[in-house]
Amino acid sequence: MSEQSFKSAKSGYDARTANPKDLTIDSSKNTIKLFADYTGTATIAGGGTYSASVNISHNLGYQPYAEVYYKRDSNAYWQKAPSLNYDLSTFKIVESVFSERTDSNVLKVSFLTGDPLGGGTAASFEYLIRIYINAWEGSWDE
């Protein structure tokens, strides 16, 4: 019995007979897969506080590919991190969002609305963090 798979091809090609380069999806190949979505809100009080951070414990044992999206203060649109926005007249940071890997099981995401010298602005960041399993790690059951 043959193994089942899902395939999708570019427009004008038949997924059953197309060359691999003409396929848009081929589930028989090792490709990146979504592990988990993490959502929440990070709040910066303002004044002397200029940052907030979130630690995501994924416990995969390696540093996976991750995407970080955020909306500030109920903004209507999502932005993708990393980002750095600053005031052109003063060159001070207005907003910055970035991620770092503290070890092989934790992803840290930091939200900033100022700098250590100038303090920060109160803000609330809604976030969506998507962590993917690396295809080359073989970390999922077949």
N, C-alpha and C. Protein backbone atom coordinates (compact mmCIF):
# COMPACT_ATOMS: atom_id res chain seq x y z
N MET A 1 0.85 -1.17 0.00
CA MET A 1 0.00 0.00 0.00
C MET A 1 0.90 1.24 0.00
N SER A 2 0.58 2.22 -0.82
CA SER A 2 1.40 3.43 -0.91
C SER A 2 1.05 4.39 0.22
N GLU A 3 2.03 5.21 0.58
CA GLU A 3 1.84 6.19 1.64
C GLU A 3 1.03 7.37 1.11
N GLN A 4 0.09 7.85 1.89
CA GLN A 4 -0.73 8.98 1.48
C GLN A 4 0.05 10.27 1.64
N SER A 5 -0.22 11.23 0.75
CA SER A 5 0.39 12.54 0.86
C SER A 5 -0.54 13.58 0.27
N PHE A 6 -0.26 14.82 0.59
CA PHE A 6 -1.02 15.94 0.06
C PHE A 6 -0.09 16.76 -0.80
N LYS A 7 -0.54 17.08 -2.02
CA LYS A 7 0.27 17.89 -2.94
C LYS A 7 -0.60 18.95 -3.59
N SER A 8 0.04 20.09 -3.83
CA SER A 8 -0.60 21.19 -4.53
C SER A 8 0.42 21.72 -5.53
N ALA A 9 -0.04 22.03 -6.74
CA ALA A 9 0.89 22.46 -7.79
C ALA A 9 0.61 23.89 -8.23
N LYS A 10 1.61 24.47 -8.87
CA LYS A 10 1.45 25.79 -9.46
C LYS A 10 0.34 25.75 -10.50
N SER A 11 -0.21 26.91 -10.78
CA SER A 11 -1.26 27.01 -11.79
C SER A 11 -0.76 26.46 -13.12
N GLY A 12 -1.55 25.62 -13.75
CA GLY A 12 -1.17 25.04 -15.03
C GLY A 12 -0.49 23.69 -14.93
N TYR A 13 -0.25 23.19 -13.71
CA TYR A 13 0.41 21.90 -13.51
C TYR A 13 -0.53 20.97 -12.75
N ASP A 14 -0.40 19.67 -13.03
CA ASP A 14 -1.17 18.65 -12.32
C ASP A 14 -0.33 18.15 -11.15
N ALA A 15 -0.86 18.27 -9.93
CA ALA A 15 -0.11 17.89 -8.73
C ALA A 15 0.29 16.42 -8.74
N ARG A 16 -0.44 15.57 -9.44
CA ARG A 16 -0.14 14.13 -9.47
C ARG A 16 1.08 13.81 -10.32
N THR A 17 1.39 14.68 -11.31
CA THR A 17 2.47 14.38 -12.24
C THR A 17 3.55 15.47 -12.32
N ALA A 18 3.37 16.56 -11.60
CA ALA A 18 4.29 17.70 -11.70
C ALA A 18 5.65 17.36 -11.10
N ASN A 19 6.69 17.98 -11.66
CA ASN A 19 8.03 17.88 -11.09
C ASN A 19 8.03 18.58 -9.72
N PRO A 20 8.88 18.15 -8.81
CA PRO A 20 8.93 18.76 -7.47
C PRO A 20 9.06 20.29 -7.50
N LYS A 21 9.79 20.84 -8.48
CA LYS A 21 9.97 22.29 -8.55
C LYS A 21 8.67 23.02 -8.90
N ASP A 22 7.69 22.29 -9.41
CA ASP A 22 6.41 22.90 -9.78
C ASP A 22 5.32 22.67 -8.73
N LEU A 23 5.69 22.06 -7.61
CA LEU A 23 4.74 21.86 -6.52
C LEU A 23 4.83 23.03 -5.55
N THR A 24 3.69 23.45 -5.01
CA THR A 24 3.69 24.49 -3.99
C THR A 24 3.64 23.88 -2.59
N ILE A 25 3.07 22.69 -2.46
CA ILE A 25 3.03 21.94 -1.21
C ILE A 25 3.25 20.48 -1.52
N ASP A 26 4.07 19.83 -0.71
CA ASP A 26 4.28 18.39 -0.84
C ASP A 26 4.49 17.83 0.57
N SER A 27 3.45 17.23 1.13
CA SER A 27 3.51 16.76 2.52
C SER A 27 4.45 15.58 2.71
N SER A 28 4.93 14.98 1.62
CA SER A 28 5.86 13.86 1.77
C SER A 28 7.28 14.34 2.05
N LYS A 29 7.52 15.65 1.95
CA LYS A 29 8.84 16.22 2.20
C LYS A 29 8.88 16.80 3.61
N ASN A 30 10.06 16.79 4.19
CA ASN A 30 10.24 17.41 5.51
C ASN A 30 10.23 18.92 5.33
N THR A 31 9.20 19.56 5.84
CA THR A 31 9.08 21.01 5.78
C THR A 31 8.83 21.54 7.17
N ILE A 32 9.03 22.82 7.32
CA ILE A 32 8.82 23.45 8.61
C ILE A 32 7.35 23.30 9.02
N LYS A 33 7.12 23.02 10.31
CA LYS A 33 5.77 22.80 10.80
C LYS A 33 5.54 23.64 12.05
N LEU A 34 4.32 24.17 12.17
CA LEU A 34 3.97 24.97 13.34
C LEU A 34 3.94 24.10 14.58
N PHE A 35 4.66 24.52 15.61
CA PHE A 35 4.68 23.82 16.89
C PHE A 35 3.60 24.38 17.81
N ALA A 36 3.59 25.70 18.00
CA ALA A 36 2.62 26.30 18.91
C ALA A 36 2.51 27.81 18.69
N ASP A 37 1.35 28.35 19.02
CA ASP A 37 1.12 29.79 19.05
C ASP A 37 1.02 30.22 20.51
N TYR A 38 1.65 31.32 20.84
CA TYR A 38 1.58 31.89 22.18
C TYR A 38 1.03 33.31 22.04
N THR A 39 0.01 33.64 22.80
CA THR A 39 -0.59 34.96 22.74
C THR A 39 -0.66 35.56 24.14
N GLY A 40 -0.76 36.85 24.19
CA GLY A 40 -0.89 37.53 25.47
C GLY A 40 -0.70 39.01 25.31
N THR A 41 -0.50 39.68 26.44
CA THR A 41 -0.31 41.12 26.46
C THR A 41 0.88 41.45 27.36
N ALA A 42 1.74 42.32 26.88
CA ALA A 42 2.86 42.84 27.68
C ALA A 42 2.57 44.31 27.94
N THR A 43 2.69 44.73 29.19
CA THR A 43 2.35 46.10 29.56
C THR A 43 3.58 46.82 30.12
N ILE A 44 3.77 48.04 29.64
CA ILE A 44 4.84 48.90 30.14
C ILE A 44 4.16 50.03 30.90
N ALA A 45 4.55 50.22 32.16
CA ALA A 45 3.90 51.21 33.02
C ALA A 45 4.25 52.64 32.64
N GLY A 46 5.41 52.87 32.06
CA GLY A 46 5.83 54.23 31.72
C GLY A 46 6.66 54.83 32.84
N GLY A 47 6.91 56.13 32.73
CA GLY A 47 7.74 56.80 33.73
C GLY A 47 9.15 56.25 33.68
N GLY A 48 9.63 55.71 34.78
CA GLY A 48 10.97 55.14 34.84
C GLY A 48 11.07 53.77 34.19
N THR A 49 9.92 53.16 33.89
CA THR A 49 9.91 51.84 33.26
C THR A 49 9.81 52.01 31.75
N TYR A 50 10.73 51.43 31.03
CA TYR A 50 10.75 51.59 29.57
C TYR A 50 10.63 50.27 28.82
N SER A 51 10.56 49.14 29.54
CA SER A 51 10.52 47.86 28.83
C SER A 51 9.71 46.81 29.59
N ALA A 52 9.30 45.81 28.84
CA ALA A 52 8.65 44.62 29.40
C ALA A 52 9.13 43.46 28.55
N SER A 53 9.17 42.28 29.14
CA SER A 53 9.58 41.11 28.37
C SER A 53 8.72 39.91 28.71
N VAL A 54 8.69 38.98 27.78
CA VAL A 54 7.93 37.74 27.92
C VAL A 54 8.88 36.60 27.62
N ASN A 55 8.91 35.61 28.49
CA ASN A 55 9.71 34.41 28.26
C ASN A 55 8.79 33.27 27.84
N ILE A 56 9.05 32.71 26.67
CA ILE A 56 8.26 31.58 26.16
C ILE A 56 9.09 30.31 26.33
N SER A 57 8.61 29.41 27.17
CA SER A 57 9.29 28.13 27.39
C SER A 57 8.69 27.09 26.44
N HIS A 58 9.42 26.76 25.40
CA HIS A 58 8.93 25.78 24.42
C HIS A 58 9.48 24.39 24.69
N ASN A 59 10.59 24.29 25.40
CA ASN A 59 11.21 23.02 25.79
C ASN A 59 11.50 22.07 24.63
N LEU A 60 11.90 22.62 23.49
CA LEU A 60 12.24 21.79 22.34
C LEU A 60 13.69 21.28 22.40
N GLY A 61 14.51 21.90 23.22
CA GLY A 61 15.89 21.46 23.33
C GLY A 61 16.81 22.00 22.26
N TYR A 62 16.32 22.91 21.42
CA TYR A 62 17.11 23.60 20.41
C TYR A 62 16.45 24.96 20.17
N GLN A 63 17.11 25.81 19.42
CA GLN A 63 16.58 27.14 19.16
C GLN A 63 15.78 27.12 17.86
N PRO A 64 14.45 27.05 17.96
CA PRO A 64 13.63 26.93 16.76
C PRO A 64 13.42 28.27 16.05
N TYR A 65 12.95 28.17 14.84
CA TYR A 65 12.54 29.36 14.10
C TYR A 65 11.28 29.90 14.76
N ALA A 66 11.21 31.22 14.94
CA ALA A 66 10.05 31.83 15.56
C ALA A 66 9.69 33.12 14.83
N GLU A 67 8.41 33.44 14.82
CA GLU A 67 7.92 34.70 14.28
C GLU A 67 7.18 35.43 15.39
N VAL A 68 7.44 36.73 15.52
CA VAL A 68 6.80 37.54 16.55
C VAL A 68 6.01 38.64 15.87
N TYR A 69 4.72 38.72 16.20
CA TYR A 69 3.83 39.77 15.71
C TYR A 69 3.27 40.52 16.90
N TYR A 70 3.00 41.81 16.72
CA TYR A 70 2.46 42.58 17.83
C TYR A 70 1.60 43.74 17.35
N LYS A 71 0.74 44.20 18.24
CA LYS A 71 -0.07 45.41 18.05
C LYS A 71 0.11 46.24 19.30
N ARG A 72 0.36 47.52 19.14
CA ARG A 72 0.55 48.40 20.29
C ARG A 72 -0.72 49.18 20.57
N ASP A 73 -1.14 49.19 21.83
CA ASP A 73 -2.29 49.99 22.28
C ASP A 73 -3.51 49.82 21.38
N SER A 74 -3.89 48.58 21.15
CA SER A 74 -5.08 48.26 20.34
C SER A 74 -5.03 48.84 18.94
N ASN A 75 -3.83 48.94 18.38
CA ASN A 75 -3.66 49.38 17.01
C ASN A 75 -4.43 48.42 16.10
N ALA A 76 -4.86 48.90 14.96
CA ALA A 76 -5.70 48.10 14.07
C ALA A 76 -4.90 47.06 13.27
N TYR A 77 -3.59 47.19 13.21
CA TYR A 77 -2.83 46.27 12.37
C TYR A 77 -1.66 45.64 13.14
N TRP A 78 -1.30 44.45 12.71
CA TRP A 78 -0.20 43.71 13.31
C TRP A 78 1.11 44.11 12.63
N GLN A 79 2.18 44.15 13.40
CA GLN A 79 3.51 44.40 12.86
C GLN A 79 4.38 43.19 13.18
N LYS A 80 5.38 42.98 12.36
CA LYS A 80 6.28 41.85 12.59
C LYS A 80 7.58 42.36 13.20
N ALA A 81 8.03 41.67 14.23
CA ALA A 81 9.30 42.01 14.87
C ALA A 81 10.42 41.26 14.14
N PRO A 82 11.63 41.72 14.16
CA PRO A 82 12.09 42.84 14.96
C PRO A 82 11.70 44.17 14.34
N SER A 83 11.57 45.18 15.20
CA SER A 83 11.26 46.52 14.72
C SER A 83 11.95 47.54 15.61
N LEU A 84 12.25 48.68 15.05
CA LEU A 84 12.85 49.77 15.79
C LEU A 84 12.32 51.07 15.19
N ASN A 85 11.59 51.81 15.99
CA ASN A 85 11.05 53.10 15.56
C ASN A 85 11.60 54.17 16.49
N TYR A 86 12.10 55.24 15.92
CA TYR A 86 12.64 56.30 16.76
C TYR A 86 12.22 57.66 16.24
N ASP A 87 12.28 58.65 17.12
CA ASP A 87 11.92 60.03 16.80
C ASP A 87 13.07 60.65 16.02
N LEU A 88 12.79 61.09 14.80
CA LEU A 88 13.85 61.64 13.95
C LEU A 88 14.42 62.95 14.49
N SER A 89 13.64 63.69 15.27
CA SER A 89 14.14 64.97 15.77
C SER A 89 15.06 64.80 16.98
N THR A 90 14.83 63.77 17.79
CA THR A 90 15.63 63.57 19.00
C THR A 90 16.49 62.30 18.95
N PHE A 91 16.22 61.45 17.98
CA PHE A 91 16.89 60.15 17.84
C PHE A 91 16.68 59.25 19.05
N LYS A 92 15.60 59.47 19.78
CA LYS A 92 15.26 58.60 20.91
C LYS A 92 14.33 57.49 20.44
N ILE A 93 14.46 56.34 21.07
CA ILE A 93 13.62 55.19 20.72
C ILE A 93 12.17 55.49 21.10
N VAL A 94 11.28 55.29 20.15
CA VAL A 94 9.85 55.43 20.40
C VAL A 94 9.26 54.06 20.68
N GLU A 95 9.75 53.06 19.94
CA GLU A 95 9.23 51.70 20.08
C GLU A 95 10.23 50.73 19.49
N SER A 96 10.41 49.62 20.19
CA SER A 96 11.27 48.56 19.67
C SER A 96 10.76 47.23 20.19
N VAL A 97 10.72 46.25 19.31
CA VAL A 97 10.32 44.89 19.70
C VAL A 97 11.32 43.94 19.06
N PHE A 98 11.87 43.04 19.87
CA PHE A 98 12.85 42.08 19.35
C PHE A 98 12.83 40.82 20.20
N SER A 99 13.41 39.77 19.66
CA SER A 99 13.47 38.50 20.39
C SER A 99 14.91 38.06 20.51
N GLU A 100 15.16 37.25 21.54
CA GLU A 100 16.48 36.66 21.74
C GLU A 100 16.29 35.28 22.34
N ARG A 101 17.27 34.45 22.13
CA ARG A 101 17.20 33.09 22.67
C ARG A 101 18.11 33.01 23.88
N THR A 102 17.51 32.88 25.06
CA THR A 102 18.30 32.84 26.28
C THR A 102 18.97 31.48 26.47
N ASP A 103 18.33 30.43 26.00
CA ASP A 103 18.93 29.10 25.99
C ASP A 103 18.15 28.26 24.98
N SER A 104 18.41 26.96 24.92
CA SER A 104 17.80 26.13 23.89
C SER A 104 16.34 25.77 24.18
N ASN A 105 15.78 26.25 25.28
CA ASN A 105 14.38 25.95 25.61
C ASN A 105 13.51 27.18 25.83
N VAL A 106 14.10 28.37 25.74
CA VAL A 106 13.35 29.60 26.04
C VAL A 106 13.60 30.64 24.96
N LEU A 107 12.52 31.30 24.55
CA LEU A 107 12.58 32.44 23.65
C LEU A 107 12.13 33.66 24.45
N LYS A 108 12.93 34.70 24.48
CA LYS A 108 12.59 35.92 25.21
C LYS A 108 12.23 37.00 24.20
N VAL A 109 11.08 37.65 24.41
CA VAL A 109 10.64 38.75 23.55
C VAL A 109 10.59 40.00 24.40
N SER A 110 11.25 41.07 23.94
CA SER A 110 11.30 42.33 24.68
C SER A 110 10.55 43.42 23.93
N PHE A 111 9.84 44.24 24.69
CA PHE A 111 9.07 45.37 24.17
C PHE A 111 9.62 46.63 24.84
N LEU A 112 9.97 47.65 24.06
CA LEU A 112 10.52 48.88 24.61
C LEU A 112 9.76 50.09 24.09
N THR A 113 9.60 51.09 24.96
CA THR A 113 8.98 52.35 24.53
C THR A 113 9.85 53.53 24.95
N GLY A 114 11.12 53.32 25.08
CA GLY A 114 12.04 54.38 25.48
C GLY A 114 13.41 53.79 25.68
N ASP A 115 14.20 54.47 26.50
CA ASP A 115 15.54 53.98 26.78
C ASP A 115 15.87 54.18 28.26
N PRO A 116 16.93 53.52 28.74
CA PRO A 116 17.26 53.61 30.17
C PRO A 116 17.51 55.02 30.66
N LEU A 117 18.01 55.90 29.79
CA LEU A 117 18.33 57.26 30.21
C LEU A 117 17.10 58.17 30.22
N GLY A 118 16.19 57.95 29.31
CA GLY A 118 15.06 58.86 29.19
C GLY A 118 13.74 58.33 29.71
N GLY A 119 13.73 57.13 30.24
CA GLY A 119 12.46 56.55 30.69
C GLY A 119 11.62 56.09 29.51
N GLY A 120 10.40 55.72 29.80
CA GLY A 120 9.54 55.18 28.75
C GLY A 120 8.14 55.74 28.78
N THR A 121 7.37 55.36 27.79
CA THR A 121 5.98 55.76 27.66
C THR A 121 5.11 54.56 27.99
N ALA A 122 4.02 54.79 28.72
CA ALA A 122 3.10 53.69 29.03
C ALA A 122 2.53 53.12 27.74
N ALA A 123 2.47 51.80 27.65
CA ALA A 123 1.95 51.15 26.45
C ALA A 123 1.55 49.72 26.77
N SER A 124 0.70 49.20 25.93
CA SER A 124 0.28 47.81 26.02
C SER A 124 0.51 47.17 24.66
N PHE A 125 1.17 46.02 24.66
CA PHE A 125 1.47 45.30 23.43
C PHE A 125 0.74 43.96 23.43
N GLU A 126 -0.16 43.77 22.48
CA GLU A 126 -0.77 42.45 22.27
C GLU A 126 0.19 41.70 21.35
N TYR A 127 0.50 40.44 21.69
CA TYR A 127 1.47 39.72 20.87
C TYR A 127 0.96 38.34 20.45
N LEU A 128 1.52 37.88 19.34
CA LEU A 128 1.33 36.52 18.82
C LEU A 128 2.73 36.03 18.49
N ILE A 129 3.15 34.95 19.14
CA ILE A 129 4.46 34.37 18.89
C ILE A 129 4.22 32.97 18.33
N ARG A 130 4.74 32.73 17.13
CA ARG A 130 4.59 31.43 16.48
C ARG A 130 5.95 30.74 16.48
N ILE A 131 5.97 29.54 17.04
CA ILE A 131 7.20 28.75 17.07
C ILE A 131 7.01 27.55 16.16
N TYR A 132 8.02 27.32 15.33
CA TYR A 132 7.98 26.25 14.34
C TYR A 132 8.99 25.17 14.68
N ILE A 133 8.64 23.94 14.39
CA ILE A 133 9.56 22.82 14.55
C ILE A 133 10.45 22.79 13.31
N ASN A 134 11.74 22.71 13.54
CA ASN A 134 12.68 22.66 12.42
C ASN A 134 12.62 21.29 11.76
N ALA A 135 12.43 21.28 10.47
CA ALA A 135 12.33 20.02 9.73
C ALA A 135 13.60 19.18 9.88
N TRP A 136 14.75 19.82 9.94
CA TRP A 136 16.00 19.09 10.02
C TRP A 136 16.28 18.52 11.40
N GLU A 137 15.49 18.89 12.40
CA GLU A 137 15.68 18.34 13.75
C GLU A 137 15.00 16.99 13.91
N GLY A 138 14.00 16.69 13.05
CA GLY A 138 13.27 15.42 13.17
C GLY A 138 12.57 15.31 14.51
N SER A 139 12.01 16.43 14.96
CA SER A 139 11.46 16.47 16.33
C SER A 139 9.97 16.16 16.42
N TRP A 140 9.40 15.61 15.41
CA TRP A 140 8.00 15.25 15.49
C TRP A 140 7.83 13.78 15.09
N ASP A 141 6.74 13.23 15.53
CA ASP A 141 6.48 11.82 15.21
C ASP A 141 5.96 11.74 13.78
N GLU A 142 6.39 10.75 13.08
CA GLU A 142 5.94 10.53 11.70
C GLU A 142 4.62 9.81 11.70
